[in-house]
Amino acid sequence: MIIDTTEVQTIHSFYKLESLK
């Protein structure tokens, strides 16, 4: 399974936003 770096960045930023809630 290969994931684009942009996708990884999006996932990371999403996780950060979710953890801030």
Protein backbone atom coordinates (compact mmCIF):
# COMPACT_ATOMS: atom_id res chain seq x y z
CA MET A 1 0.00 0.00 0.00
CA ILE A 2 1.62 3.23 -1.15
CA ILE A 3 0.47 6.56 0.24
CA ASP A 4 1.28 9.95 -1.27
CA THR A 5 3.16 12.37 0.95
CA THR A 6 0.40 14.93 0.44
CA GLU A 7 -2.12 12.41 1.70
CA VAL A 8 0.05 11.69 4.72
CA GLN A 9 0.27 15.42 5.45
CA THR A 10 -3.50 15.72 5.24
CA ILE A 11 -4.01 12.77 7.57
CA HIS A 12 -1.49 14.17 10.06
CA SER A 13 -3.07 17.62 10.06
CA PHE A 14 -6.51 16.04 10.44
CA TYR A 15 -5.32 14.00 13.42
CA LYS A 16 -3.83 17.13 14.99
CA LEU A 17 -7.13 18.98 14.62
CA GLU A 18 -9.04 16.02 16.06
CA SER A 19 -6.71 15.73 19.04
CA LEU A 20 -7.23 19.42 19.80
CA LYS A 21 -10.97 18.90 20.28
